[in-house]
Amino acid sequence: MRTDIKRTTLNITTYCNLKCKHCLAFIPYHDKKFIMSIEEAGKILSAYFQVVDSVEHFTVTGGEPLLNKDCAQILEEVHKYENQITGSVDFVTNGTMEIPDDIISVLAKHIDKTKVVLSNYGEKLSKKIDIIEETLKQNGIPYRVSKFYGDDLYYDGWIDFSNHDLKWKTIEERDQNAQKCVHRVGKYFVINDGELHCCSRSYWRIRQGIIPKIKGEYVPLMDDTISIEEKRQDLIEMFNKKSSTSCAYCVGLCNGVPRVKPAQQL
């Protein structure tokens, strides 16, 4: 069976120059920060693209990815697998820092596969957004802006995922809610610590000991004691499940869930 998935996000650092209280990836709450090296990225990407036949959208982000000095090289490494990326390589940044020339060069070089996503948190936080937009326009680099301030918010605000209490006591309840979650239904995966997880909440709950690591609910990309075929089977199991253990502790990224003001700073 082929392993064709919709989206995967690679977090290349847990450092960020913002401290968003309701960060989807819980970045401000990481006690041990990391910056991925180009060597680590190369190994992770090699393993990932052996397990995955194709991915439509591959996202590079953080934290704030511009805080990683190897960012341009990592982006170039991702583009080595363009034949397995059917849509775009997305680069997500928060509008607080100008994009350096070396990264602009990589984005422009791979312009047919590139999309920049600018998270705009308003003029008090995303102070460089106008400069970044102008640079991208001058270089003809495709981009979109996710507006997270004022009226007409992107996705109408954020969801507070900080409560990790058990919410769904049966598999049926868990499955039912998970099938309303954008990330679950859309099969969005994330790579953290060299492992492929079904979402950032699942990774965080495992990391915090809220839920156990369960075979078939993550893929240990960097574990050389496990064959590629077994890792592919773990991914297929993840893909086919209606929900995971983490979903029992989650409201889900669903319509109808109360929203909070985006980018509230701690």
Protein backbone atom coordinates (compact mmCIF):
# COMPACT_ATOMS: atom_id res chain seq x y z
CA MET A 1 0.00 0.00 0.00
CA ARG A 2 1.27 3.46 -0.90
CA THR A 3 1.78 6.10 1.77
CA ASP A 4 0.45 9.31 0.21
CA ILE A 5 -0.38 11.98 2.76
CA LYS A 6 -1.74 15.52 2.71
CA ARG A 7 0.60 17.58 4.89
CA THR A 8 3.61 17.25 7.16
CA THR A 9 5.25 19.97 9.26
CA LEU A 10 8.93 19.92 10.21
CA ASN A 11 9.73 21.99 13.30
CA ILE A 12 13.35 23.13 12.96
CA THR A 13 13.54 24.96 16.29
CA THR A 14 11.62 25.47 19.51
CA TYR A 15 13.09 28.93 19.95
CA CYS A 16 10.70 31.80 19.21
CA ASN A 17 10.84 35.55 19.70
CA LEU A 18 7.16 35.57 20.66
CA LYS A 19 5.56 33.89 23.67
CA CYS A 20 2.03 33.15 22.53
CA LYS A 21 -0.05 31.85 25.43
CA HIS A 22 -2.15 29.60 23.19
CA CYS A 23 0.58 28.45 20.81
CA LEU A 24 -0.66 25.41 18.89
CA ALA A 25 2.74 23.72 19.37
CA PHE A 26 3.16 24.80 23.03
CA ILE A 27 6.48 26.43 22.09
CA PRO A 28 6.72 28.81 25.11
CA TYR A 29 6.28 25.87 27.46
CA HIS A 30 9.23 23.77 26.25
CA ASP A 31 11.71 23.47 29.11
CA LYS A 32 14.53 22.35 26.81
CA LYS A 33 14.88 24.32 23.60
CA PHE A 34 16.51 22.93 20.46
CA ILE A 35 17.77 24.13 17.10
CA MET A 36 17.92 21.48 14.37
CA SER A 37 21.25 21.23 12.57
CA ILE A 38 21.56 20.63 8.84
CA GLU A 39 23.02 17.20 9.62
CA GLU A 40 20.01 16.27 11.75
CA ALA A 41 17.62 17.61 9.12
CA GLY A 42 19.31 15.55 6.41
CA LYS A 43 18.92 12.32 8.37
CA ILE A 44 15.32 13.02 9.34
CA LEU A 45 14.30 13.95 5.79
CA SER A 46 16.01 10.89 4.34
CA ALA A 47 14.14 8.62 6.75
CA TYR A 48 10.83 10.44 6.24
CA PHE A 49 10.91 10.21 2.46
CA GLN A 50 11.73 6.51 2.62
CA VAL A 51 8.62 5.95 4.74
CA VAL A 52 6.39 8.37 2.80
CA ASP A 53 5.78 7.88 -0.92
CA SER A 54 4.41 11.39 -1.40
CA VAL A 55 3.23 14.41 0.55
CA GLU A 56 1.17 17.23 -0.95
CA HIS A 57 2.41 20.03 1.30
CA PHE A 58 5.62 19.95 3.34
CA THR A 59 5.91 22.81 5.85
CA VAL A 60 9.08 24.16 7.45
CA THR A 61 8.45 26.14 10.63
CA GLY A 62 9.23 26.32 14.36
CA GLY A 63 9.15 28.11 16.79
CA GLU A 64 10.36 30.88 14.58
CA PRO A 65 12.39 29.17 11.83
CA LEU A 66 14.44 32.30 11.07
CA LEU A 67 16.17 31.80 14.44
CA ASN A 68 17.82 28.68 13.00
CA LYS A 69 21.07 29.68 11.28
CA ASP A 70 20.85 26.56 9.08
CA CYS A 71 17.37 27.47 7.84
CA ALA A 72 18.39 28.13 4.21
CA GLN A 73 20.35 24.87 4.04
CA ILE A 74 17.46 22.92 5.57
CA LEU A 75 15.05 24.37 3.00
CA GLU A 76 17.46 23.36 0.25
CA GLU A 77 17.62 19.86 1.74
CA VAL A 78 13.81 19.61 1.66
CA HIS A 79 13.80 20.54 -2.01
CA LYS A 80 15.99 17.52 -2.80
CA TYR A 81 12.77 15.53 -2.45
CA GLU A 82 10.66 17.68 -4.80
CA ASN A 83 9.70 14.62 -6.84
CA GLN A 84 7.85 13.31 -3.76
CA ILE A 85 6.25 16.67 -2.87
CA THR A 86 3.22 16.97 -5.13
CA GLY A 87 2.14 20.44 -4.05
CA SER A 88 4.34 22.97 -2.27
CA VAL A 89 7.10 23.47 0.25
CA ASP A 90 5.60 25.97 2.70
CA PHE A 91 7.69 28.27 4.86
CA VAL A 92 5.90 29.78 7.87
CA THR A 93 7.27 32.83 9.69
CA ASN A 94 5.76 35.30 12.15
CA GLY A 95 6.57 38.65 10.53
CA THR A 96 8.92 39.78 13.29
CA MET A 97 12.18 39.39 11.33
CA GLU A 98 13.20 40.19 7.77
CA ILE A 99 13.90 37.10 5.69
CA PRO A 100 17.68 36.93 5.03
CA ASP A 101 19.05 36.98 1.49
CA ASP A 102 20.23 33.35 1.58
CA ILE A 103 16.70 32.16 2.35
CA ILE A 104 15.19 34.47 -0.27
CA SER A 105 17.60 32.93 -2.77
CA VAL A 106 16.43 29.40 -1.94
CA LEU A 107 12.77 30.41 -2.12
CA ALA A 108 13.30 32.13 -5.47
CA LYS A 109 15.34 29.21 -6.85
CA HIS A 110 12.46 26.81 -6.18
CA ILE A 111 9.69 29.29 -6.94
CA ASP A 112 7.41 26.74 -8.61
CA LYS A 113 7.30 24.66 -5.41
CA THR A 114 7.48 27.49 -2.87
CA LYS A 115 4.83 29.16 -0.74
CA VAL A 116 5.57 31.52 2.14
CA VAL A 117 2.95 31.83 4.88
CA LEU A 118 3.16 35.04 6.91
CA SER A 119 1.45 35.01 10.30
CA ASN A 120 0.46 38.62 10.91
CA TYR A 121 -0.14 39.38 14.58
CA GLY A 122 -0.54 43.11 14.09
CA GLU A 123 1.88 46.04 14.04
CA LYS A 124 2.96 45.66 17.67
CA LEU A 125 4.25 42.11 17.13
CA SER A 126 4.71 41.47 13.40
CA LYS A 127 6.70 44.67 12.87
CA LYS A 128 8.48 43.53 9.68
CA ILE A 129 5.44 42.25 7.81
CA ASP A 130 5.33 45.10 5.26
CA ILE A 131 9.05 44.82 4.49
CA ILE A 132 8.76 41.05 4.10
CA GLU A 133 5.78 41.36 1.75
CA GLU A 134 7.63 43.89 -0.41
CA THR A 135 10.71 41.63 -0.61
CA LEU A 136 8.60 38.65 -1.61
CA LYS A 137 6.77 40.68 -4.25
CA GLN A 138 10.04 42.00 -5.70
CA ASN A 139 11.30 38.45 -6.06
CA GLY A 140 8.02 37.05 -7.37
CA ILE A 141 7.80 34.58 -4.49
CA PRO A 142 4.26 33.27 -3.81
CA TYR A 143 2.92 34.00 -0.35
CA ARG A 144 -0.23 34.43 1.69
CA VAL A 145 -0.93 36.27 4.92
CA SER A 146 -2.79 34.70 7.85
CA LYS A 147 -4.34 37.64 9.73
CA PHE A 148 -4.46 37.08 13.49
CA TYR A 149 -5.54 40.47 14.81
CA GLY A 150 -8.52 42.82 14.65
CA ASP A 151 -11.67 41.85 12.80
CA ASP A 152 -11.95 39.22 10.07
CA LEU A 153 -9.50 36.87 11.79
CA TYR A 154 -8.01 33.90 9.98
CA TYR A 155 -10.01 30.92 11.33
CA ASP A 156 -11.83 33.37 13.68
CA GLY A 157 -9.18 33.10 16.39
CA TRP A 158 -7.32 30.32 18.16
CA ILE A 159 -8.39 27.41 20.33
CA ASP A 160 -7.12 26.99 23.87
CA PHE A 161 -5.64 23.47 24.00
CA SER A 162 -4.05 23.88 27.45
CA ASN A 163 -6.59 21.70 29.28
CA HIS A 164 -5.44 18.08 28.97
CA ASP A 165 -8.16 16.47 31.09
CA LEU A 166 -9.90 13.39 29.73
CA LYS A 167 -12.82 14.61 27.60
CA TRP A 168 -14.10 11.54 25.74
CA LYS A 169 -14.46 8.35 27.78
CA THR A 170 -15.32 5.89 25.03
CA ILE A 171 -13.69 5.10 21.70
CA GLU A 172 -16.97 5.97 19.98
CA GLU A 173 -17.06 9.45 21.56
CA ARG A 174 -13.39 9.97 20.79
CA ASP A 175 -13.79 8.90 17.17
CA GLN A 176 -16.89 11.06 16.70
CA ASN A 177 -15.16 14.24 17.87
CA ALA A 178 -11.91 13.46 16.05
CA GLN A 179 -13.79 13.18 12.76
CA LYS A 180 -14.67 16.88 13.13
CA CYS A 181 -11.03 17.91 13.71
CA VAL A 182 -9.38 19.61 10.73
CA HIS A 183 -5.99 18.08 11.53
CA ARG A 184 -7.32 14.56 12.04
CA VAL A 185 -9.59 14.48 9.01
CA GLY A 186 -7.01 16.24 6.85
CA LYS A 187 -4.25 13.83 7.91
CA TYR A 188 -1.83 16.57 9.00
CA PHE A 189 1.33 15.16 10.57
CA VAL A 190 4.24 16.77 12.42
CA ILE A 191 7.89 15.80 12.85
CA ASN A 192 9.32 16.42 16.31
CA ASP A 193 12.39 14.81 17.91
CA GLY A 194 12.90 12.68 14.81
CA GLU A 195 9.43 11.16 15.17
CA LEU A 196 6.32 11.53 13.04
CA HIS A 197 3.24 12.35 15.11
CA CYS A 198 -0.40 12.83 14.14
CA CYS A 199 -0.45 16.38 15.57
CA SER A 200 1.43 18.72 17.88
CA ARG A 201 -1.01 18.06 20.74
CA SER A 202 -0.38 14.32 20.58
CA TYR A 203 3.40 14.89 20.59
CA TRP A 204 3.12 17.29 23.53
CA ARG A 205 0.92 14.96 25.60
CA ILE A 206 3.36 12.09 25.05
CA ARG A 207 6.28 14.36 25.96
CA GLN A 208 4.55 15.46 29.16
CA GLY A 209 3.62 11.91 30.18
CA ILE A 210 -0.10 12.60 29.87
CA ILE A 211 -0.48 9.68 27.46
CA PRO A 212 1.85 6.76 26.66
CA LYS A 213 3.70 6.14 23.43
CA ILE A 214 1.70 3.53 21.57
CA LYS A 215 2.90 1.65 18.51
CA GLY A 216 0.85 2.68 15.50
CA GLU A 217 0.23 6.18 16.88
CA TYR A 218 3.62 7.61 15.90
CA VAL A 219 6.50 6.65 13.62
CA PRO A 220 10.04 6.53 15.08
CA LEU A 221 11.76 7.76 11.92
CA MET A 222 15.28 7.68 13.40
CA ASP A 223 15.10 4.27 15.09
CA ASP A 224 17.47 2.13 13.02
CA THR A 225 16.37 -1.05 14.80
CA ILE A 226 13.00 -0.81 13.03
CA SER A 227 12.78 -1.55 9.32
CA ILE A 228 11.45 0.93 6.78
CA GLU A 229 8.61 -1.46 6.02
CA GLU A 230 7.58 -1.61 9.68
CA LYS A 231 7.66 2.17 9.88
CA ARG A 232 5.49 2.32 6.77
CA GLN A 233 3.02 -0.04 8.43
CA ASP A 234 2.96 2.20 11.53
CA LEU A 235 2.18 5.18 9.28
CA ILE A 236 -0.59 3.30 7.49
CA GLU A 237 -2.10 2.39 10.87
CA MET A 238 -1.92 6.05 11.96
CA PHE A 239 -3.47 7.13 8.67
CA ASN A 240 -6.39 4.71 8.89
CA LYS A 241 -7.33 5.29 12.53
CA LYS A 242 -10.34 7.52 13.14
CA SER A 243 -8.69 8.85 16.29
CA SER A 244 -5.68 8.37 18.56
CA THR A 245 -5.24 8.19 22.32
CA SER A 246 -4.48 11.91 22.38
CA CYS A 247 -7.88 12.70 20.88
CA ALA A 248 -9.57 11.58 24.11
CA TYR A 249 -7.92 14.53 25.87
CA CYS A 250 -8.61 17.12 23.18
CA VAL A 251 -11.46 19.40 22.09
CA GLY A 252 -10.05 19.15 18.55
CA LEU A 253 -9.49 21.79 15.93
CA CYS A 254 -13.19 21.84 15.18
CA ASN A 255 -15.85 24.31 14.15
CA GLY A 256 -18.04 25.32 17.08
CA VAL A 257 -15.22 25.17 19.65
CA PRO A 258 -14.85 28.53 21.48
CA ARG A 259 -12.03 30.71 20.19
CA VAL A 260 -9.64 32.97 22.08
CA LYS A 261 -7.80 36.08 20.97
CA PRO A 262 -4.72 35.02 18.96
CA ALA A 263 -1.14 35.74 19.98
CA GLN A 264 -1.80 36.77 23.59
CA GLN A 265 1.69 37.14 25.04
CA LEU A 266 2.76 35.53 28.30
